[in-house]
Protein backbone atom coordinates (compact mmCIF):
# COMPACT_ATOMS: atom_id res chain seq x y z
CA MET A 1 203.84 218.30 256.55
CA LYS A 2 202.04 221.13 257.62
CA LEU A 3 201.94 219.22 261.14
CA LEU A 4 205.77 219.30 261.80
CA TYR A 5 205.39 223.33 261.14
CA SER A 6 203.59 223.25 264.49
CA TYR A 7 206.68 221.82 266.29
CA LYS A 8 209.28 223.82 265.74
CA ARG A 9 211.75 221.74 267.53
CA VAL A 10 210.96 218.86 265.60
CA GLN A 11 213.51 218.36 262.48
CA LYS A 12 212.66 216.16 259.07
CA ILE A 13 215.82 214.18 258.71
CA LYS A 14 214.45 212.18 255.81
CA LEU A 15 211.77 210.39 254.13
CA ILE A 16 212.19 206.92 252.25
CA GLY A 17 209.30 205.33 250.53
CA THR A 18 206.62 205.41 253.18
CA THR A 19 209.25 206.22 256.14
CA TYR A 20 209.41 209.40 257.47
CA MET A 21 212.50 210.09 259.91
CA ALA A 22 212.36 212.86 262.42
CA ALA A 23 214.37 214.33 265.48
CA VAL A 24 214.51 216.67 268.36
CA GLY A 25 217.48 218.58 269.44
CA LEU A 26 220.05 218.70 266.40
CA GLU A 27 219.71 222.50 265.85
CA PRO A 28 222.43 224.28 267.85
CA GLY A 29 221.33 227.32 269.81
CA ILE A 30 217.37 226.27 270.12
CA GLU A 31 218.05 225.28 273.51
CA ALA A 32 219.47 228.46 274.54
CA TYR A 33 217.03 228.96 277.54
CA VAL A 34 217.87 225.15 278.85
CA ASP A 35 221.01 225.22 280.79
CA TYR A 36 223.65 223.20 279.12
CA HIS A 37 225.00 221.59 282.17
CA ASP A 38 221.48 219.99 282.97
CA ASP A 39 221.35 217.13 280.51
CA ASP A 40 218.31 215.53 281.81
CA ALA A 41 216.34 218.77 281.54
CA MET A 42 217.26 218.71 277.81
CA ALA A 43 216.66 215.08 277.37
CA THR A 44 213.25 215.55 278.87
CA ARG A 45 212.40 218.58 276.86
CA ASN A 46 213.67 216.90 273.68
CA SER A 47 211.66 213.48 274.51
CA SER A 48 208.51 215.43 275.32
CA SER A 49 208.65 217.46 272.12
CA MET A 50 208.87 214.23 269.98
CA VAL A 51 206.07 212.53 272.16
CA ALA A 52 203.77 215.18 271.41
CA PHE A 53 204.55 215.51 268.01
CA ALA A 54 203.66 211.75 267.87
CA VAL A 55 200.50 211.94 269.53
CA ALA A 56 199.40 214.80 267.20
CA LEU A 57 200.93 212.76 264.33
CA ILE A 58 198.52 209.81 265.66
CA GLY A 59 195.37 212.02 265.63
CA LEU A 60 195.99 213.28 262.03
CA ILE A 61 196.52 209.77 260.65
CA LYS A 62 193.07 208.37 262.79
CA LYS A 63 191.19 211.57 261.25
CA ARG A 64 192.22 211.12 257.69
CA ASN A 65 191.10 207.31 258.25
CA ARG A 66 188.04 208.15 259.50
CA GLU A 67 187.12 211.11 256.42
CA GLY A 68 187.97 207.95 254.21
CA TYR A 69 190.89 208.92 252.37
CA GLU A 70 192.79 205.66 253.13
CA ASN A 71 194.01 203.27 255.65
CA LEU A 72 196.72 204.41 256.95
CA SER A 73 198.89 202.77 259.80
CA LEU A 74 201.56 204.30 261.94
CA ARG A 75 204.54 203.03 263.89
CA ILE A 76 206.54 205.18 266.23
CA GLY A 77 209.80 204.22 267.83
CA ASN A 78 211.88 206.79 270.22
CA ARG A 79 215.09 206.72 271.37
CA ASN A 80 216.87 208.87 273.96
C-alpha cells in the first residue's frame, strides 16, 4: 500500500480478507525524540499519527470511488 509509505510510524499488522489492521508505536527507538517518561505525549503523538493516516485513507477511498474503480467503503476503529 503506497499510502503506508508516507506514514513511517504506521505499521501493517495483518491483512485478512478485506480487513487491514495497522498500529502505531510498536517499533522500539522510533520515538527517540519523545521523553519516555511522558506517556501522555507519546499517546498523543501515536493517536495523531493514526488519525492522520485514517484521514488520508478516507481521501484515497473517496478518490477511487469517484474515478469509478470500485464502490469501496471503510470502517475505522481507534483504541488508545
